């Protein structure tokens, strides 16, 4: 009787481990799916900035976006779109790393030194943190922050 009880307990334990692995696998595949989707949106944002496509940017930015510039200024969505339309932004992100927290994804990236389109002024490289949330089934940028990287 003790053997049967032990075997039943082991069987239940094994079932629990298998179910746990299944959940972990589905979580891992959801994380991978979210990362892939957000990277695509991030690339679309970069392309829209370079092409001055404010209609695309308006769709990808949350209406409540918080945009922090490297100089410490907070911008509204309307201000961001106006600045991009004027040609102030021109850098492309690279070396992206993503962290997924359910329907929120944080993207850490850098930019190389570049030139502002409007002023032709040289800009140092930056570190960028973007936060995306899924709103109505679509990923939207809800927060952006950047800081200049000091040059040696």
C-alpha atoms as a PDB file:
ATOM      1  CA  UNK A   1       0.000   0.000   0.000  1.00  0.00           C
ATOM      2  CA  UNK A   2       2.880   2.368   0.788  1.00  0.00           C
ATOM      3  CA  UNK A   3       4.404   1.680  -2.642  1.00  0.00           C
ATOM      4  CA  UNK A   4       1.164   2.589  -4.375  1.00  0.00           C
ATOM      5  CA  UNK A   5       0.924   5.818  -2.363  1.00  0.00           C
ATOM      6  CA  UNK A   6       4.535   6.719  -3.205  1.00  0.00           C
ATOM      7  CA  UNK A   7       3.968   5.885  -6.883  1.00  0.00           C
ATOM      8  CA  UNK A   8       0.821   8.016  -6.958  1.00  0.00           C
ATOM      9  CA  UNK A   9       2.642  10.925  -5.312  1.00  0.00           C
ATOM     10  CA  UNK A  10       5.496  10.611  -7.816  1.00  0.00           C
ATOM     11  CA  UNK A  11       3.004  10.466 -10.682  1.00  0.00           C
ATOM     12  CA  UNK A  12       1.268  13.622  -9.430  1.00  0.00           C
ATOM     13  CA  UNK A  13       4.612  15.327  -8.913  1.00  0.00           C
ATOM     14  CA  UNK A  14       5.725  14.416 -12.449  1.00  0.00           C
ATOM     15  CA  UNK A  15       2.441  15.706 -13.860  1.00  0.00           C
ATOM     16  CA  UNK A  16       3.000  18.981 -12.007  1.00  0.00           C
ATOM     17  CA  UNK A  17       6.540  19.288 -13.375  1.00  0.00           C
ATOM     18  CA  UNK A  18       5.337  18.584 -16.910  1.00  0.00           C
ATOM     19  CA  UNK A  19       2.549  21.151 -16.592  1.00  0.00           C
ATOM     20  CA  UNK A  20       5.010  23.681 -15.176  1.00  0.00           C
ATOM     21  CA  UNK A  21       7.382  23.111 -18.073  1.00  0.00           C
ATOM     22  CA  UNK A  22       4.506  23.564 -20.498  1.00  0.00           C
ATOM     23  CA  UNK A  23       3.572  26.884 -18.885  1.00  0.00           C
ATOM     24  CA  UNK A  24       7.214  28.001 -18.916  1.00  0.00           C
ATOM     25  CA  UNK A  25       7.481  27.038 -22.589  1.00  0.00           C
ATOM     26  CA  UNK A  26       4.355  29.002 -23.499  1.00  0.00           C
ATOM     27  CA  UNK A  27       5.627  31.959 -21.444  1.00  0.00           C
ATOM     28  CA  UNK A  28       8.955  31.750 -23.280  1.00  0.00           C
ATOM     29  CA  UNK A  29       7.233  31.669 -26.655  1.00  0.00           C
ATOM     30  CA  UNK A  30       5.042  34.652 -25.662  1.00  0.00           C
ATOM     31  CA  UNK A  31       8.142  36.559 -24.551  1.00  0.00           C
ATOM     32  CA  UNK A  32       9.866  35.757 -27.857  1.00  0.00           C
ATOM     33  CA  UNK A  33       6.748  36.812 -29.782  1.00  0.00           C
ATOM     34  CA  UNK A  34       6.498  40.102 -27.854  1.00  0.00           C
ATOM     35  CA  UNK A  35      10.203  40.825 -28.416  1.00  0.00           C
ATOM     36  CA  UNK A  36       9.863  40.199 -32.144  1.00  0.00           C
ATOM     37  CA  UNK A  37       6.783  42.427 -32.407  1.00  0.00           C
ATOM     38  CA  UNK A  38       8.357  45.276 -30.440  1.00  0.00           C
ATOM     39  CA  UNK A  39      11.615  45.124 -32.429  1.00  0.00           C
ATOM     40  CA  UNK A  40       9.528  45.472 -35.574  1.00  0.00           C
ATOM     41  CA  UNK A  41       7.752  48.526 -34.108  1.00  0.00           C
ATOM     42  CA  UNK A  42      11.108  49.995 -33.017  1.00  0.00           C
ATOM     43  CA  UNK A  43      12.441  49.597 -36.580  1.00  0.00           C
ATOM     44  CA  UNK A  44       9.255  51.143 -37.935  1.00  0.00           C
ATOM     45  CA  UNK A  45       9.747  54.104 -35.574  1.00  0.00           C
ATOM     46  CA  UNK A  46      13.368  54.572 -36.712  1.00  0.00           C
ATOM     47  CA  UNK A  47      12.304  54.432 -40.360  1.00  0.00           C
ATOM     48  CA  UNK A  48       9.435  56.867 -39.767  1.00  0.00           C
ATOM     49  CA  UNK A  49      11.787  59.352 -38.088  1.00  0.00           C
ATOM     50  CA  UNK A  50      14.276  59.142 -40.963  1.00  0.00           C
ATOM     51  CA  UNK A  51      11.485  59.554 -43.550  1.00  0.00           C
ATOM     52  CA  UNK A  52       9.681  62.243 -41.535  1.00  0.00           C
ATOM     53  CA  UNK A  53       6.510  60.095 -41.590  1.00  0.00           C
ATOM     54  CA  UNK A  54       4.569  61.793 -38.817  1.00  0.00           C
ATOM     55  CA  UNK A  55       1.403  59.841 -39.663  1.00  0.00           C
ATOM     56  CA  UNK A  56       3.205  56.568 -38.852  1.00  0.00           C
ATOM     57  CA  UNK A  57       4.757  58.106 -35.750  1.00  0.00           C
ATOM     58  CA  UNK A  58       1.383  59.331 -34.560  1.00  0.00           C
ATOM     59  CA  UNK A  59       0.031  55.790 -34.840  1.00  0.00           C
ATOM     60  CA  UNK A  60       2.987  54.255 -32.968  1.00  0.00           C
ATOM     61  CA  UNK A  61       3.159  56.785 -30.126  1.00  0.00           C
ATOM     62  CA  UNK A  62       0.667  56.511 -27.282  1.00  0.00           C
ATOM     63  CA  UNK A  63      -1.445  59.631 -26.838  1.00  0.00           C
ATOM     64  CA  UNK A  64      -0.021  59.814 -23.291  1.00  0.00           C
ATOM     65  CA  UNK A  65       3.613  59.329 -24.347  1.00  0.00           C
ATOM     66  CA  UNK A  66       6.238  60.783 -22.003  1.00  0.00           C
ATOM     67  CA  UNK A  67       9.304  61.863 -23.984  1.00  0.00           C
ATOM     68  CA  UNK A  68      12.416  62.927 -22.066  1.00  0.00           C
ATOM     69  CA  UNK A  69      15.129  64.602 -24.137  1.00  0.00           C
ATOM     70  CA  UNK A  70      18.873  64.332 -23.374  1.00  0.00           C
ATOM     71  CA  UNK A  71      18.738  67.904 -22.057  1.00  0.00           C
ATOM     72  CA  UNK A  72      16.045  67.021 -19.505  1.00  0.00           C
ATOM     73  CA  UNK A  73      13.027  68.486 -21.263  1.00  0.00           C
ATOM     74  CA  UNK A  74       9.699  66.611 -21.238  1.00  0.00           C
ATOM     75  CA  UNK A  75       7.773  66.691 -24.504  1.00  0.00           C
ATOM     76  CA  UNK A  76       4.153  65.871 -25.305  1.00  0.00           C
ATOM     77  CA  UNK A  77       3.158  63.773 -28.295  1.00  0.00           C
ATOM     78  CA  UNK A  78       2.327  66.935 -30.263  1.00  0.00           C
ATOM     79  CA  UNK A  79       5.749  68.433 -29.460  1.00  0.00           C
ATOM     80  CA  UNK A  80       7.555  65.235 -30.447  1.00  0.00           C
ATOM     81  CA  UNK A  81       5.713  65.084 -33.765  1.00  0.00           C
ATOM     82  CA  UNK A  82       6.453  68.765 -34.431  1.00  0.00           C
ATOM     83  CA  UNK A  83      10.163  68.304 -33.643  1.00  0.00           C
ATOM     84  CA  UNK A  84      10.400  65.254 -35.881  1.00  0.00           C
ATOM     85  CA  UNK A  85       8.555  67.073 -38.654  1.00  0.00           C
ATOM     86  CA  UNK A  86      11.067  69.936 -38.374  1.00  0.00           C
ATOM     87  CA  UNK A  87      13.939  67.488 -38.793  1.00  0.00           C
ATOM     88  CA  UNK A  88      15.458  67.709 -35.325  1.00  0.00           C
ATOM     89  CA  UNK A  89      15.747  63.940 -34.872  1.00  0.00           C
ATOM     90  CA  UNK A  90      17.949  61.878 -37.154  1.00  0.00           C
ATOM     91  CA  UNK A  91      19.720  59.135 -35.207  1.00  0.00           C
ATOM     92  CA  UNK A  92      19.089  55.418 -35.652  1.00  0.00           C
ATOM     93  CA  UNK A  93      19.151  53.028 -32.710  1.00  0.00           C
ATOM     94  CA  UNK A  94      21.388  49.977 -32.525  1.00  0.00           C
ATOM     95  CA  UNK A  95      22.490  47.303 -30.078  1.00  0.00           C
ATOM     96  CA  UNK A  96      18.976  46.874 -28.696  1.00  0.00           C
ATOM     97  CA  UNK A  97      18.331  44.773 -25.598  1.00  0.00           C
ATOM     98  CA  UNK A  98      14.780  43.969 -24.548  1.00  0.00           C
ATOM     99  CA  UNK A  99      13.154  43.077 -21.252  1.00  0.00           C
ATOM    100  CA  UNK A 100       9.591  41.759 -21.320  1.00  0.00           C
ATOM    101  CA  UNK A 101       7.140  42.191 -18.450  1.00  0.00           C
ATOM    102  CA  UNK A 102       3.845  40.779 -19.744  1.00  0.00           C
ATOM    103  CA  UNK A 103       2.296  43.405 -22.037  1.00  0.00           C
ATOM    104  CA  UNK A 104       5.116  45.850 -21.328  1.00  0.00           C
ATOM    105  CA  UNK A 105       8.484  45.758 -23.089  1.00  0.00           C
ATOM    106  CA  UNK A 106      11.492  47.901 -22.207  1.00  0.00           C
ATOM    107  CA  UNK A 107      14.055  48.465 -24.964  1.00  0.00           C
ATOM    108  CA  UNK A 108      17.577  49.655 -24.149  1.00  0.00           C
ATOM    109  CA  UNK A 109      19.637  50.870 -27.099  1.00  0.00           C
ATOM    110  CA  UNK A 110      22.343  53.269 -28.206  1.00  0.00           C
ATOM    111  CA  UNK A 111      22.869  55.619 -31.109  1.00  0.00           C
ATOM    112  CA  UNK A 112      26.069  56.655 -32.796  1.00  0.00           C
ATOM    113  CA  UNK A 113      27.232  60.245 -33.020  1.00  0.00           C
ATOM    114  CA  UNK A 114      25.309  61.972 -35.753  1.00  0.00           C
ATOM    115  CA  UNK A 115      24.180  65.219 -37.225  1.00  0.00           C
ATOM    116  CA  UNK A 116      20.893  66.966 -36.529  1.00  0.00           C
ATOM    117  CA  UNK A 117      19.107  67.406 -39.835  1.00  0.00           C
ATOM    118  CA  UNK A 118      17.823  70.921 -39.276  1.00  0.00           C
ATOM    119  CA  UNK A 119      20.823  72.563 -37.612  1.00  0.00           C
ATOM    120  CA  UNK A 120      23.592  70.380 -39.115  1.00  0.00           C
ATOM    121  CA  UNK A 121      25.004  70.300 -35.584  1.00  0.00           C
ATOM    122  CA  UNK A 122      27.049  67.247 -34.526  1.00  0.00           C
ATOM    123  CA  UNK A 123      25.383  65.259 -31.740  1.00  0.00           C
ATOM    124  CA  UNK A 124      27.126  62.821 -29.396  1.00  0.00           C
ATOM    125  CA  UNK A 125      25.976  59.208 -29.117  1.00  0.00           C
ATOM    126  CA  UNK A 126      23.059  58.529 -26.782  1.00  0.00           C
ATOM    127  CA  UNK A 127      21.676  55.785 -24.581  1.00  0.00           C
ATOM    128  CA  UNK A 128      17.955  55.340 -25.023  1.00  0.00           C
ATOM    129  CA  UNK A 129      15.274  53.629 -22.978  1.00  0.00           C
ATOM    130  CA  UNK A 130      11.918  53.061 -24.678  1.00  0.00           C
ATOM    131  CA  UNK A 131       8.893  51.544 -22.966  1.00  0.00           C
ATOM    132  CA  UNK A 132       6.195  49.917 -25.078  1.00  0.00           C
ATOM    133  CA  UNK A 133       2.771  48.754 -23.936  1.00  0.00           C
ATOM    134  CA  UNK A 134       0.158  46.842 -25.839  1.00  0.00           C
ATOM    135  CA  UNK A 135      -2.874  49.126 -26.305  1.00  0.00           C
ATOM    136  CA  UNK A 136      -5.880  47.740 -28.156  1.00  0.00           C
ATOM    137  CA  UNK A 137      -3.803  44.876 -29.531  1.00  0.00           C
ATOM    138  CA  UNK A 138      -1.033  47.146 -30.872  1.00  0.00           C
ATOM    139  CA  UNK A 139       2.352  48.027 -29.388  1.00  0.00           C
ATOM    140  CA  UNK A 140       2.713  51.730 -28.652  1.00  0.00           C
ATOM    141  CA  UNK A 141       5.597  53.764 -27.304  1.00  0.00           C
ATOM    142  CA  UNK A 142       4.486  55.082 -23.913  1.00  0.00           C
ATOM    143  CA  UNK A 143       7.802  56.438 -22.581  1.00  0.00           C
ATOM    144  CA  UNK A 144      11.119  57.474 -24.117  1.00  0.00           C
ATOM    145  CA  UNK A 145      14.203  58.734 -22.372  1.00  0.00           C
ATOM    146  CA  UNK A 146      17.647  59.473 -23.715  1.00  0.00           C
ATOM    147  CA  UNK A 147      20.933  60.747 -22.376  1.00  0.00           C
ATOM    148  CA  UNK A 148      24.135  61.748 -24.096  1.00  0.00           C
ATOM    149  CA  UNK A 149      27.125  59.438 -23.672  1.00  0.00           C
ATOM    150  CA  UNK A 150      30.196  61.408 -22.653  1.00  0.00           C
ATOM    151  CA  UNK A 151      33.104  61.211 -25.046  1.00  0.00           C
ATOM    152  CA  UNK A 152      36.532  60.232 -23.702  1.00  0.00           C
END
